[in-house]
Amino acid sequence: MANIYEDILNHLSADCAVSVETVLDGESGELLGGLRRRLTELVPVTDPKGRRVASVTTERGEDGALTVREPVLPQERLIVLGGGHIALPVCQFGAACGFTVCVVDDRPDFANRRRFPEAGQVLCESFENGIRRLKITPFDYVVVITRGHRHDADCLRALLPGTMPAYLGMIGSRRRTKGLLEMLKEEGFDADRLAAICTPIGLNIGAVTPGEIAISILSEVIAYKRLPEHGDPKRCCSDSDLELSTLRYLAENHEPKAVVTVIETKGSTPRGTGAKMAVSPLGQVTGSIGGGCSEAAVIQDAVRIIGTGRYKLMDIDLTGEVAESDGMVCGGTMKVLVEDGTERP
């Protein structure tokens, strides 16, 4: 089977969200003929409030075939404008949450790899030039935490005329940020765009220390990423648990392997729909569908399927004695697709 994951990454690199549509003729079978997969345009579901949500869905046809649709959105960047003391934990926590972090500051002592080892990109130049180089997309989350409102204003003047990111937040007191936004409004910047800026930045959790402030900022960023009631209602939010690092591994690794995907969940489960892992012939795992008994139950079957050219659906029950003996707090069920990921000409 051709490496469809390379095609997915090509679409994502062009900032195009896609849907991976997989049709299975039965609970198990041959990949060739029994499993059909293609990339389609991502069509989010509109909820009763008009918000757009992209979820992993399954649909059983009249002929018994099961169709699985998985949304895949481009990698989210967390763009941190300002390299001061708060930027350090923001970068660290943002990278841990799966964002590609980009830091911009015009001071060499504050914008360097040694200071921000977790960052994917560190730019030492003016904020205006840094923003221009980064080419903001609708999948970016921008945090303005410079050393002063003069620099904050420079950032906003560079950001507001262009593509609006999924999230734009600015640090500062209510009084000072209000004055800055009023000044920019007088300069002719769009009132709706100014009103969309989250300021004071972060959720109000009583944060005091840099680490606490970073947590409040990341909490708000994640809310904008995951909850469709935040931000632009026309923006698509995805609740897929797919990690793009696993997707990149599947695209770049050409060794024999099995691919395991969570396609349905009920109740409390360690990972959500969309989570993937690759399993090597030795049982080594890249990615995760939850660890513990949720993975142990499927790894042996995954190893056995490598090289067979087959797929199968499996149900994992996390409500029974095995889950309890492992000390797991989950009490739900998962349906996973296990398939031979060995590439063929």
C-alpha atoms as a PDB file:
ATOM      1  CA  MET A   1       0.000   0.000   0.000  1.00  0.00           C
ATOM      2  CA  ALA A   2       1.355   3.434  -0.920  1.00  0.00           C
ATOM      3  CA  ASN A   3       2.456   5.694   1.919  1.00  0.00           C
ATOM      4  CA  ILE A   4      -0.579   7.934   2.211  1.00  0.00           C
ATOM      5  CA  TYR A   5       0.994   9.664   5.194  1.00  0.00           C
ATOM      6  CA  GLU A   6       3.445  11.417   2.864  1.00  0.00           C
ATOM      7  CA  ASP A   7       0.473  12.786   0.907  1.00  0.00           C
ATOM      8  CA  ILE A   8      -1.117  14.004   4.140  1.00  0.00           C
ATOM      9  CA  LEU A   9       2.038  15.857   5.167  1.00  0.00           C
ATOM     10  CA  ASN A  10       2.259  17.476   1.732  1.00  0.00           C
ATOM     11  CA  HIS A  11      -1.238  18.886   2.196  1.00  0.00           C
ATOM     12  CA  LEU A  12      -0.447  20.049   5.713  1.00  0.00           C
ATOM     13  CA  SER A  13       2.741  21.776   4.578  1.00  0.00           C
ATOM     14  CA  ALA A  14       0.526  23.861   2.275  1.00  0.00           C
ATOM     15  CA  ASP A  15      -1.661  24.767   5.306  1.00  0.00           C
ATOM     16  CA  CYS A  16      -4.518  22.627   3.984  1.00  0.00           C
ATOM     17  CA  ALA A  17      -6.651  20.626   6.393  1.00  0.00           C
ATOM     18  CA  VAL A  18      -7.784  17.245   5.040  1.00  0.00           C
ATOM     19  CA  SER A  19      -9.994  14.321   5.928  1.00  0.00           C
ATOM     20  CA  VAL A  20      -8.671  10.764   5.667  1.00  0.00           C
ATOM     21  CA  GLU A  21     -11.540   8.535   4.551  1.00  0.00           C
ATOM     22  CA  THR A  22     -11.119   4.785   5.103  1.00  0.00           C
ATOM     23  CA  VAL A  23     -13.728   2.258   3.948  1.00  0.00           C
ATOM     24  CA  LEU A  24     -13.610  -1.258   5.449  1.00  0.00           C
ATOM     25  CA  ASP A  25     -15.618  -4.063   3.880  1.00  0.00           C
ATOM     26  CA  GLY A  26     -15.752  -6.087   7.103  1.00  0.00           C
ATOM     27  CA  GLU A  27     -14.398  -6.551  10.612  1.00  0.00           C
ATOM     28  CA  SER A  28     -11.252  -8.055   9.096  1.00  0.00           C
ATOM     29  CA  GLY A  29      -9.876  -8.737   5.660  1.00  0.00           C
ATOM     30  CA  GLU A  30      -7.258  -8.103   3.033  1.00  0.00           C
ATOM     31  CA  LEU A  31      -5.962  -4.569   2.656  1.00  0.00           C
ATOM     32  CA  LEU A  32      -5.992  -4.957  -1.107  1.00  0.00           C
ATOM     33  CA  GLY A  33      -9.653  -4.739  -2.034  1.00  0.00           C
ATOM     34  CA  GLY A  34     -11.037  -4.859   1.511  1.00  0.00           C
ATOM     35  CA  LEU A  35      -9.712  -1.501   2.676  1.00  0.00           C
ATOM     36  CA  ARG A  36      -9.940   1.638   0.560  1.00  0.00           C
ATOM     37  CA  ARG A  37      -8.437   4.953   1.641  1.00  0.00           C
ATOM     38  CA  ARG A  38      -8.352   8.411   0.141  1.00  0.00           C
ATOM     39  CA  LEU A  39      -7.895  12.048   1.097  1.00  0.00           C
ATOM     40  CA  THR A  40     -10.926  14.292   0.838  1.00  0.00           C
ATOM     41  CA  GLU A  41     -11.755  17.878   1.656  1.00  0.00           C
ATOM     42  CA  LEU A  42     -12.346  18.422   5.343  1.00  0.00           C
ATOM     43  CA  VAL A  43     -16.029  19.204   5.914  1.00  0.00           C
ATOM     44  CA  PRO A  44     -16.618  20.111   9.570  1.00  0.00           C
ATOM     45  CA  VAL A  45     -19.931  19.412  11.259  1.00  0.00           C
ATOM     46  CA  THR A  46     -21.906  22.526  12.191  1.00  0.00           C
ATOM     47  CA  ASP A  47     -23.464  22.262  15.630  1.00  0.00           C
ATOM     48  CA  PRO A  48     -26.809  23.872  16.617  1.00  0.00           C
ATOM     49  CA  LYS A  49     -25.000  27.093  17.578  1.00  0.00           C
ATOM     50  CA  GLY A  50     -23.359  27.382  14.170  1.00  0.00           C
ATOM     51  CA  ARG A  51     -19.900  26.361  15.375  1.00  0.00           C
ATOM     52  CA  ARG A  52     -17.736  24.136  13.186  1.00  0.00           C
ATOM     53  CA  VAL A  53     -16.228  21.010  14.702  1.00  0.00           C
ATOM     54  CA  ALA A  54     -14.109  18.328  13.003  1.00  0.00           C
ATOM     55  CA  SER A  55     -14.314  14.925  14.697  1.00  0.00           C
ATOM     56  CA  VAL A  56     -13.370  11.357  13.903  1.00  0.00           C
ATOM     57  CA  THR A  57     -16.595   9.739  12.689  1.00  0.00           C
ATOM     58  CA  THR A  58     -17.680   6.236  11.752  1.00  0.00           C
ATOM     59  CA  GLU A  59     -20.623   5.332   9.532  1.00  0.00           C
ATOM     60  CA  ARG A  60     -22.000   1.882   8.730  1.00  0.00           C
ATOM     61  CA  GLY A  61     -23.466   1.560   5.233  1.00  0.00           C
ATOM     62  CA  GLU A  62     -26.381  -0.588   4.140  1.00  0.00           C
ATOM     63  CA  ASP A  63     -23.919  -3.053   2.633  1.00  0.00           C
ATOM     64  CA  GLY A  64     -22.203  -3.419   6.026  1.00  0.00           C
ATOM     65  CA  ALA A  65     -19.099  -1.460   5.032  1.00  0.00           C
ATOM     66  CA  LEU A  66     -17.680   0.817   7.709  1.00  0.00           C
ATOM     67  CA  THR A  67     -16.490   4.298   6.723  1.00  0.00           C
ATOM     68  CA  VAL A  68     -14.056   6.064   9.058  1.00  0.00           C
ATOM     69  CA  ARG A  69     -13.293   9.753   8.563  1.00  0.00           C
ATOM     70  CA  GLU A  70     -10.319  11.285  10.374  1.00  0.00           C
ATOM     71  CA  PRO A  71      -9.729  15.056  10.312  1.00  0.00           C
ATOM     72  CA  VAL A  72      -6.117  16.176  10.071  1.00  0.00           C
ATOM     73  CA  LEU A  73      -5.254  19.840  10.594  1.00  0.00           C
ATOM     74  CA  PRO A  74      -1.873  21.502  10.005  1.00  0.00           C
ATOM     75  CA  GLN A  75       0.617  21.672  12.847  1.00  0.00           C
ATOM     76  CA  GLU A  76      -0.289  24.443  15.255  1.00  0.00           C
ATOM     77  CA  ARG A  77       2.478  26.934  15.955  1.00  0.00           C
ATOM     78  CA  LEU A  78       2.707  28.812  19.216  1.00  0.00           C
ATOM     79  CA  ILE A  79       4.386  32.091  18.296  1.00  0.00           C
ATOM     80  CA  VAL A  80       5.862  33.834  21.317  1.00  0.00           C
ATOM     81  CA  LEU A  81       6.692  37.497  20.683  1.00  0.00           C
ATOM     82  CA  GLY A  82       9.113  38.431  23.430  1.00  0.00           C
ATOM     83  CA  GLY A  83      11.833  36.333  25.039  1.00  0.00           C
ATOM     84  CA  GLY A  84      11.620  37.476  28.653  1.00  0.00           C
ATOM     85  CA  HIS A  85      11.097  35.558  31.883  1.00  0.00           C
ATOM     86  CA  ILE A  86       7.495  34.552  31.150  1.00  0.00           C
ATOM     87  CA  ALA A  87       8.435  33.324  27.670  1.00  0.00           C
ATOM     88  CA  LEU A  88      10.631  30.599  29.165  1.00  0.00           C
ATOM     89  CA  PRO A  89       7.835  28.526  30.774  1.00  0.00           C
ATOM     90  CA  VAL A  90       5.424  29.433  27.943  1.00  0.00           C
ATOM     91  CA  CYS A  91       7.867  27.853  25.493  1.00  0.00           C
ATOM     92  CA  GLN A  92       8.488  24.834  27.710  1.00  0.00           C
ATOM     93  CA  PHE A  93       4.818  24.130  28.426  1.00  0.00           C
ATOM     94  CA  GLY A  94       3.753  24.914  24.848  1.00  0.00           C
ATOM     95  CA  ALA A  95       6.201  22.383  23.417  1.00  0.00           C
ATOM     96  CA  ALA A  96       5.003  19.796  25.954  1.00  0.00           C
ATOM     97  CA  CYS A  97       1.442  20.396  24.715  1.00  0.00           C
ATOM     98  CA  GLY A  98       2.449  19.556  21.144  1.00  0.00           C
ATOM     99  CA  PHE A  99       2.837  23.032  19.648  1.00  0.00           C
ATOM    100  CA  THR A 100       5.748  23.952  17.442  1.00  0.00           C
ATOM    101  CA  VAL A 101       7.046  26.956  19.355  1.00  0.00           C
ATOM    102  CA  CYS A 102       8.561  29.970  17.592  1.00  0.00           C
ATOM    103  CA  VAL A 103      10.185  32.717  19.676  1.00  0.00           C
ATOM    104  CA  VAL A 104      10.952  36.228  18.415  1.00  0.00           C
ATOM    105  CA  ASP A 105      12.993  38.881  20.225  1.00  0.00           C
ATOM    106  CA  ASP A 106      15.342  41.597  19.030  1.00  0.00           C
ATOM    107  CA  ARG A 107      17.938  41.019  21.772  1.00  0.00           C
ATOM    108  CA  PRO A 108      20.636  38.376  21.153  1.00  0.00           C
ATOM    109  CA  ASP A 109      20.852  37.513  24.857  1.00  0.00           C
ATOM    110  CA  PHE A 110      17.132  36.679  24.856  1.00  0.00           C
ATOM    111  CA  ALA A 111      16.700  35.096  21.418  1.00  0.00           C
ATOM    112  CA  ASN A 112      19.000  32.109  21.172  1.00  0.00           C
ATOM    113  CA  ARG A 113      18.802  28.323  21.168  1.00  0.00           C
ATOM    114  CA  ARG A 114      20.557  27.984  24.487  1.00  0.00           C
ATOM    115  CA  ARG A 115      17.812  29.973  26.199  1.00  0.00           C
ATOM    116  CA  PHE A 116      14.967  28.211  24.355  1.00  0.00           C
ATOM    117  CA  PRO A 117      16.057  24.595  23.678  1.00  0.00           C
ATOM    118  CA  GLU A 118      12.435  23.413  23.264  1.00  0.00           C
ATOM    119  CA  ALA A 119      11.628  25.942  20.542  1.00  0.00           C
ATOM    120  CA  GLY A 120      11.373  24.828  16.958  1.00  0.00           C
ATOM    121  CA  GLN A 121      12.496  28.252  15.736  1.00  0.00           C
ATOM    122  CA  VAL A 122      14.144  31.249  17.408  1.00  0.00           C
ATOM    123  CA  LEU A 123      14.402  34.522  15.489  1.00  0.00           C
ATOM    124  CA  CYS A 124      16.641  37.337  16.673  1.00  0.00           C
ATOM    125  CA  GLU A 125      15.373  40.373  14.826  1.00  0.00           C
ATOM    126  CA  SER A 126      12.767  43.113  15.057  1.00  0.00           C
ATOM    127  CA  PHE A 127       9.256  41.964  15.858  1.00  0.00           C
ATOM    128  CA  GLU A 128       7.958  43.362  12.582  1.00  0.00           C
ATOM    129  CA  ASN A 129      10.511  41.416  10.535  1.00  0.00           C
ATOM    130  CA  GLY A 130      10.015  38.281  12.612  1.00  0.00           C
ATOM    131  CA  ILE A 131       6.253  38.364  12.058  1.00  0.00           C
ATOM    132  CA  ARG A 132       6.796  38.929   8.359  1.00  0.00           C
ATOM    133  CA  ARG A 133       9.140  35.947   8.139  1.00  0.00           C
ATOM    134  CA  LEU A 134       6.819  33.627  10.068  1.00  0.00           C
ATOM    135  CA  LYS A 135       3.873  34.254   7.690  1.00  0.00           C
ATOM    136  CA  ILE A 136       0.991  33.899  10.138  1.00  0.00           C
ATOM    137  CA  THR A 137      -1.709  31.326   9.259  1.00  0.00           C
ATOM    138  CA  PRO A 138      -5.189  30.590  10.692  1.00  0.00           C
ATOM    139  CA  PHE A 139      -3.627  27.632  12.543  1.00  0.00           C
ATOM    140  CA  ASP A 140      -1.218  29.779  14.586  1.00  0.00           C
ATOM    141  CA  TYR A 141      -1.540  30.914  18.204  1.00  0.00           C
ATOM    142  CA  VAL A 142       0.225  34.192  18.917  1.00  0.00           C
ATOM    143  CA  VAL A 143       1.281  35.354  22.383  1.00  0.00           C
ATOM    144  CA  VAL A 144       2.458  38.974  22.694  1.00  0.00           C
ATOM    145  CA  ILE A 145       4.608  39.256  25.827  1.00  0.00           C
ATOM    146  CA  THR A 146       7.263  41.818  24.924  1.00  0.00           C
ATOM    147  CA  ARG A 147       9.123  44.013  27.400  1.00  0.00           C
ATOM    148  CA  GLY A 148       6.899  47.063  26.888  1.00  0.00           C
ATOM    149  CA  HIS A 149       3.748  48.378  25.243  1.00  0.00           C
ATOM    150  CA  ARG A 150       5.756  50.228  22.593  1.00  0.00           C
ATOM    151  CA  HIS A 151       6.918  46.838  21.332  1.00  0.00           C
ATOM    152  CA  ASP A 152       3.427  45.356  21.848  1.00  0.00           C
ATOM    153  CA  ALA A 153       2.082  48.079  19.561  1.00  0.00           C
ATOM    154  CA  ASP A 154       4.728  47.274  16.940  1.00  0.00           C
ATOM    155  CA  CYS A 155       3.657  43.607  17.061  1.00  0.00           C
ATOM    156  CA  LEU A 156      -0.031  44.420  16.668  1.00  0.00           C
ATOM    157  CA  ARG A 157       0.625  46.854  13.824  1.00  0.00           C
ATOM    158  CA  ALA A 158       2.389  44.032  11.985  1.00  0.00           C
ATOM    159  CA  LEU A 159      -0.198  41.375  12.851  1.00  0.00           C
ATOM    160  CA  LEU A 160      -3.565  43.087  12.392  1.00  0.00           C
ATOM    161  CA  PRO A 161      -3.436  43.823   8.630  1.00  0.00           C
ATOM    162  CA  GLY A 162      -2.600  40.209   7.790  1.00  0.00           C
ATOM    163  CA  THR A 163      -4.163  36.792   8.330  1.00  0.00           C
ATOM    164  CA  MET A 164      -5.660  36.549  11.802  1.00  0.00           C
ATOM    165  CA  PRO A 165      -4.346  33.625  13.837  1.00  0.00           C
ATOM    166  CA  ALA A 166      -6.583  31.222  15.726  1.00  0.00           C
ATOM    167  CA  TYR A 167      -5.578  33.022  18.915  1.00  0.00           C
ATOM    168  CA  LEU A 168      -4.016  36.405  19.608  1.00  0.00           C
ATOM    169  CA  GLY A 169      -3.310  37.371  23.200  1.00  0.00           C
ATOM    170  CA  MET A 170      -1.429  40.301  24.728  1.00  0.00           C
ATOM    171  CA  ILE A 171      -0.085  40.642  28.242  1.00  0.00           C
ATOM    172  CA  GLY A 172      -0.651  43.769  30.345  1.00  0.00           C
ATOM    173  CA  SER A 173      -3.010  45.419  32.800  1.00  0.00           C
ATOM    174  CA  ARG A 174      -6.557  46.276  31.761  1.00  0.00           C
ATOM    175  CA  ARG A 175      -5.862  49.983  31.902  1.00  0.00           C
ATOM    176  CA  ARG A 176      -2.708  49.920  29.803  1.00  0.00           C
ATOM    177  CA  THR A 177      -3.996  47.459  27.212  1.00  0.00           C
ATOM    178  CA  LYS A 178      -7.232  49.416  26.876  1.00  0.00           C
ATOM    179  CA  GLY A 179      -5.250  52.569  26.136  1.00  0.00           C
ATOM    180  CA  LEU A 180      -3.112  50.748  23.578  1.00  0.00           C
ATOM    181  CA  LEU A 181      -6.127  49.305  21.756  1.00  0.00           C
ATOM    182  CA  GLU A 182      -7.819  52.710  21.689  1.00  0.00           C
ATOM    183  CA  MET A 183      -4.675  54.214  20.177  1.00  0.00           C
ATOM    184  CA  LEU A 184      -4.593  51.559  17.454  1.00  0.00           C
ATOM    185  CA  LYS A 185      -8.284  52.120  16.755  1.00  0.00           C
ATOM    186  CA  GLU A 186      -7.569  55.817  16.249  1.00  0.00           C
ATOM    187  CA  GLU A 187      -4.820  54.822  13.832  1.00  0.00           C
ATOM    188  CA  GLY A 188      -7.463  53.132  11.714  1.00  0.00           C
ATOM    189  CA  PHE A 189      -7.109  49.455  12.624  1.00  0.00           C
ATOM    190  CA  ASP A 190     -10.255  47.336  12.345  1.00  0.00           C
ATOM    191  CA  ALA A 191     -12.368  47.471  15.514  1.00  0.00           C
ATOM    192  CA  ASP A 192     -13.512  43.841  15.205  1.00  0.00           C
ATOM    193  CA  ARG A 193      -9.951  42.599  14.961  1.00  0.00           C
ATOM    194  CA  LEU A 194      -8.921  44.678  17.951  1.00  0.00           C
ATOM    195  CA  ALA A 195     -11.866  43.276  19.934  1.00  0.00           C
ATOM    196  CA  ALA A 196     -10.720  39.719  19.137  1.00  0.00           C
ATOM    197  CA  ILE A 197      -7.439  40.198  21.019  1.00  0.00           C
ATOM    198  CA  CYS A 198      -7.400  38.367  24.358  1.00  0.00           C
ATOM    199  CA  THR A 199      -6.165  40.902  26.871  1.00  0.00           C
ATOM    200  CA  PRO A 200      -5.299  40.739  29.682  1.00  0.00           C
ATOM    201  CA  ILE A 201      -3.879  37.466  28.442  1.00  0.00           C
ATOM    202  CA  GLY A 202      -4.689  34.073  29.955  1.00  0.00           C
ATOM    203  CA  LEU A 203      -7.427  32.573  32.093  1.00  0.00           C
ATOM    204  CA  ASN A 204      -7.995  34.218  35.445  1.00  0.00           C
ATOM    205  CA  ILE A 205      -6.591  31.646  37.854  1.00  0.00           C
ATOM    206  CA  GLY A 206      -4.915  34.090  40.213  1.00  0.00           C
ATOM    207  CA  ALA A 207      -1.517  33.465  38.630  1.00  0.00           C
ATOM    208  CA  VAL A 208       1.469  35.280  40.156  1.00  0.00           C
ATOM    209  CA  THR A 209       4.730  33.496  39.293  1.00  0.00           C
ATOM    210  CA  PRO A 210       6.060  33.196  35.719  1.00  0.00           C
ATOM    211  CA  GLY A 211       5.190  29.489  35.685  1.00  0.00           C
ATOM    212  CA  GLU A 212       1.644  30.149  36.893  1.00  0.00           C
ATOM    213  CA  ILE A 213       1.190  32.937  34.344  1.00  0.00           C
ATOM    214  CA  ALA A 214       2.432  30.588  31.610  1.00  0.00           C
ATOM    215  CA  ILE A 215      -0.107  27.974  32.687  1.00  0.00           C
ATOM    216  CA  SER A 216      -2.905  30.544  32.546  1.00  0.00           C
ATOM    217  CA  ILE A 217      -1.792  31.572  29.039  1.00  0.00           C
ATOM    218  CA  LEU A 218      -1.536  27.996  27.753  1.00  0.00           C
ATOM    219  CA  SER A 219      -4.916  27.167  29.302  1.00  0.00           C
ATOM    220  CA  GLU A 220      -6.534  29.931  27.271  1.00  0.00           C
ATOM    221  CA  VAL A 221      -4.649  28.908  24.133  1.00  0.00           C
ATOM    222  CA  ILE A 222      -5.825  25.296  24.499  1.00  0.00           C
ATOM    223  CA  ALA A 223      -9.401  26.476  25.046  1.00  0.00           C
ATOM    224  CA  TYR A 224      -9.197  28.322  21.721  1.00  0.00           C
ATOM    225  CA  LYS A 225      -7.724  25.225  20.106  1.00  0.00           C
ATOM    226  CA  ARG A 226     -10.214  22.689  21.425  1.00  0.00           C
ATOM    227  CA  LEU A 227     -13.463  24.516  22.241  1.00  0.00           C
ATOM    228  CA  PRO A 228     -15.466  25.910  19.318  1.00  0.00           C
ATOM    229  CA  GLU A 229     -17.211  28.480  21.531  1.00  0.00           C
ATOM    230  CA  HIS A 230     -13.961  30.422  21.717  1.00  0.00           C
ATOM    231  CA  GLY A 231     -12.765  32.705  18.967  1.00  0.00           C
ATOM    232  CA  ASP A 232     -14.165  32.975  15.451  1.00  0.00           C
ATOM    233  CA  PRO A 233     -17.243  30.712  15.097  1.00  0.00           C
ATOM    234  CA  LYS A 234     -16.298  30.124  11.453  1.00  0.00           C
ATOM    235  CA  ARG A 235     -12.997  28.593  12.519  1.00  0.00           C
ATOM    236  CA  CYS A 236     -12.824  24.810  12.584  1.00  0.00           C
ATOM    237  CA  CYS A 237     -11.903  23.112  15.862  1.00  0.00           C
ATOM    238  CA  SER A 238     -10.771  19.492  15.872  1.00  0.00           C
ATOM    239  CA  ASP A 239     -11.195  17.089  18.770  1.00  0.00           C
ATOM    240  CA  SER A 240      -9.040  14.388  17.173  1.00  0.00           C
ATOM    241  CA  ASP A 241      -6.324  12.989  19.464  1.00  0.00           C
ATOM    242  CA  LEU A 242      -3.874  12.515  16.597  1.00  0.00           C
ATOM    243  CA  GLU A 243      -0.281  13.566  17.291  1.00  0.00           C
ATOM    244  CA  LEU A 244       1.393  14.872  14.161  1.00  0.00           C
ATOM    245  CA  SER A 245       4.750  13.522  15.371  1.00  0.00           C
ATOM    246  CA  THR A 246       3.334  10.000  14.909  1.00  0.00           C
ATOM    247  CA  LEU A 247       2.095  10.959  11.464  1.00  0.00           C
ATOM    248  CA  ARG A 248       5.564  12.188  10.522  1.00  0.00           C
ATOM    249  CA  TYR A 249       7.075   8.927  11.763  1.00  0.00           C
ATOM    250  CA  LEU A 250       4.683   6.920   9.586  1.00  0.00           C
ATOM    251  CA  ALA A 251       5.569   9.061   6.580  1.00  0.00           C
ATOM    252  CA  GLU A 252       9.323   8.831   7.073  1.00  0.00           C
ATOM    253  CA  ASN A 253       9.784   5.292   8.405  1.00  0.00           C
ATOM    254  CA  HIS A 254       9.674   2.680   5.647  1.00  0.00           C
ATOM    255  CA  GLU A 255      10.373  -0.417   7.750  1.00  0.00           C
ATOM    256  CA  PRO A 256       7.715  -3.144   8.251  1.00  0.00           C
ATOM    257  CA  LYS A 257       5.239  -2.161  10.956  1.00  0.00           C
ATOM    258  CA  ALA A 258       1.627  -2.235  12.014  1.00  0.00           C
ATOM    259  CA  VAL A 259      -0.520   0.870  12.439  1.00  0.00           C
ATOM    260  CA  VAL A 260      -3.122   1.092  15.194  1.00  0.00           C
ATOM    261  CA  THR A 261      -5.802   3.825  15.184  1.00  0.00           C
ATOM    262  CA  VAL A 262      -8.504   4.551  17.751  1.00  0.00           C
ATOM    263  CA  ILE A 263     -11.709   5.014  15.740  1.00  0.00           C
ATOM    264  CA  GLU A 264     -14.397   4.892  18.442  1.00  0.00           C
ATOM    265  CA  THR A 265     -14.519   5.406  22.216  1.00  0.00           C
ATOM    266  CA  LYS A 266     -17.217   5.098  24.852  1.00  0.00           C
ATOM    267  CA  GLY A 267     -16.920   6.211  28.439  1.00  0.00           C
ATOM    268  CA  SER A 268     -13.607   7.224  29.985  1.00  0.00           C
ATOM    269  CA  THR A 269     -10.588   6.154  27.900  1.00  0.00           C
ATOM    270  CA  PRO A 270      -6.883   7.051  28.160  1.00  0.00           C
ATOM    271  CA  ARG A 271      -6.779   8.477  24.611  1.00  0.00           C
ATOM    272  CA  GLY A 272      -9.427   9.818  22.293  1.00  0.00           C
ATOM    273  CA  THR A 273     -10.421   9.007  18.743  1.00  0.00           C
ATOM    274  CA  GLY A 274      -7.714   9.652  16.180  1.00  0.00           C
ATOM    275  CA  ALA A 275      -4.835   8.542  18.419  1.00  0.00           C
ATOM    276  CA  LYS A 276      -2.324   6.409  16.498  1.00  0.00           C
ATOM    277  CA  MET A 277       0.665   4.249  17.213  1.00  0.00           C
ATOM    278  CA  ALA A 278       3.085   2.261  15.084  1.00  0.00           C
ATOM    279  CA  VAL A 279       4.263  -1.168  16.233  1.00  0.00           C
ATOM    280  CA  SER A 280       7.522  -2.732  15.004  1.00  0.00           C
ATOM    281  CA  PRO A 281       8.038  -6.488  14.487  1.00  0.00           C
ATOM    282  CA  LEU A 282       9.786  -6.510  17.894  1.00  0.00           C
ATOM    283  CA  GLY A 283       6.816  -4.903  19.587  1.00  0.00           C
ATOM    284  CA  GLN A 284       8.441  -1.485  19.906  1.00  0.00           C
ATOM    285  CA  VAL A 285       5.924   1.336  19.903  1.00  0.00           C
ATOM    286  CA  THR A 286       5.953   4.839  18.424  1.00  0.00           C
ATOM    287  CA  GLY A 287       3.025   7.011  19.446  1.00  0.00           C
ATOM    288  CA  SER A 288       0.414   5.829  21.902  1.00  0.00           C
ATOM    289  CA  ILE A 289      -3.193   4.799  22.271  1.00  0.00           C
ATOM    290  CA  GLY A 290      -3.030   5.126  26.043  1.00  0.00           C
ATOM    291  CA  GLY A 291      -0.391   2.852  27.518  1.00  0.00           C
ATOM    292  CA  GLY A 292      -1.027   0.097  30.057  1.00  0.00           C
ATOM    293  CA  CYS A 293      -3.558  -2.570  29.282  1.00  0.00           C
ATOM    294  CA  SER A 294      -5.064  -0.541  26.425  1.00  0.00           C
ATOM    295  CA  GLU A 295      -1.863  -1.021  24.429  1.00  0.00           C
ATOM    296  CA  ALA A 296      -0.840  -4.431  25.798  1.00  0.00           C
ATOM    297  CA  ALA A 297      -4.121  -5.852  24.542  1.00  0.00           C
ATOM    298  CA  VAL A 298      -3.369  -4.907  20.959  1.00  0.00           C
ATOM    299  CA  ILE A 299       0.435  -5.005  20.538  1.00  0.00           C
ATOM    300  CA  GLN A 300       0.632  -8.798  20.137  1.00  0.00           C
ATOM    301  CA  ASP A 301      -2.107  -8.765  17.488  1.00  0.00           C
ATOM    302  CA  ALA A 302      -0.378  -5.849  15.777  1.00  0.00           C
ATOM    303  CA  VAL A 303       2.936  -7.732  15.604  1.00  0.00           C
ATOM    304  CA  ARG A 304       1.191 -10.778  14.142  1.00  0.00           C
ATOM    305  CA  ILE A 305      -0.447  -8.733  11.399  1.00  0.00           C
ATOM    306  CA  ILE A 306       2.828  -7.229  10.107  1.00  0.00           C
ATOM    307  CA  GLY A 307       3.599  -8.497   6.620  1.00  0.00           C
ATOM    308  CA  THR A 308       0.247 -10.241   6.151  1.00  0.00           C
ATOM    309  CA  GLY A 309      -1.379  -7.523   4.077  1.00  0.00           C
ATOM    310  CA  ARG A 310      -4.429  -7.631   6.350  1.00  0.00           C
ATOM    311  CA  TYR A 311      -6.411  -5.468   8.736  1.00  0.00           C
ATOM    312  CA  LYS A 312      -8.756  -6.141  11.645  1.00  0.00           C
ATOM    313  CA  LEU A 313     -10.995  -4.251  14.046  1.00  0.00           C
ATOM    314  CA  MET A 314     -10.537  -4.862  17.768  1.00  0.00           C
ATOM    315  CA  ASP A 315     -12.577  -3.893  20.821  1.00  0.00           C
ATOM    316  CA  ILE A 316     -10.638  -3.018  23.981  1.00  0.00           C
ATOM    317  CA  ASP A 317     -12.612  -3.180  27.212  1.00  0.00           C
ATOM    318  CA  LEU A 318     -11.179  -1.007  29.993  1.00  0.00           C
ATOM    319  CA  THR A 319     -14.002  -1.678  32.430  1.00  0.00           C
ATOM    320  CA  GLY A 320     -12.986  -5.130  33.629  1.00  0.00           C
ATOM    321  CA  GLU A 321     -10.628  -6.720  36.091  1.00  0.00           C
ATOM    322  CA  VAL A 322      -7.526  -6.255  33.902  1.00  0.00           C
ATOM    323  CA  ALA A 323      -7.913  -2.474  33.935  1.00  0.00           C
ATOM    324  CA  GLU A 324      -8.571  -2.495  37.671  1.00  0.00           C
ATOM    325  CA  SER A 325      -5.510  -4.627  38.392  1.00  0.00           C
ATOM    326  CA  ASP A 326      -3.381  -2.197  36.398  1.00  0.00           C
ATOM    327  CA  GLY A 327      -4.701   0.633  38.541  1.00  0.00           C
ATOM    328  CA  MET A 328      -6.260   2.428  35.560  1.00  0.00           C
ATOM    329  CA  VAL A 329      -8.910   5.036  36.305  1.00  0.00           C
ATOM    330  CA  CYS A 330     -10.509   4.600  32.888  1.00  0.00           C
ATOM    331  CA  GLY A 331     -13.752   2.729  32.584  1.00  0.00           C
ATOM    332  CA  GLY A 332     -14.694   2.815  28.926  1.00  0.00           C
ATOM    333  CA  THR A 333     -14.228   0.913  25.696  1.00  0.00           C
ATOM    334  CA  MET A 334     -12.198   1.568  22.572  1.00  0.00           C
ATOM    335  CA  LYS A 335     -12.543   0.267  19.030  1.00  0.00           C
ATOM    336  CA  VAL A 336      -9.250   0.259  17.163  1.00  0.00           C
ATOM    337  CA  LEU A 337      -8.235  -0.449  13.592  1.00  0.00           C
ATOM    338  CA  VAL A 338      -5.097  -2.604  13.347  1.00  0.00           C
ATOM    339  CA  GLU A 339      -3.523  -2.820   9.897  1.00  0.00           C
ATOM    340  CA  ASP A 340      -0.345  -3.989   8.274  1.00  0.00           C
ATOM    341  CA  GLY A 341       1.650  -0.844   7.543  1.00  0.00           C
ATOM    342  CA  THR A 342       4.286  -2.575   5.435  1.00  0.00           C
ATOM    343  CA  GLU A 343       4.753  -0.576   2.236  1.00  0.00           C
ATOM    344  CA  ARG A 344       4.333  -2.335  -1.070  1.00  0.00           C
ATOM    345  CA  PRO A 345       5.258  -1.223  -4.594  1.00  0.00           C
END
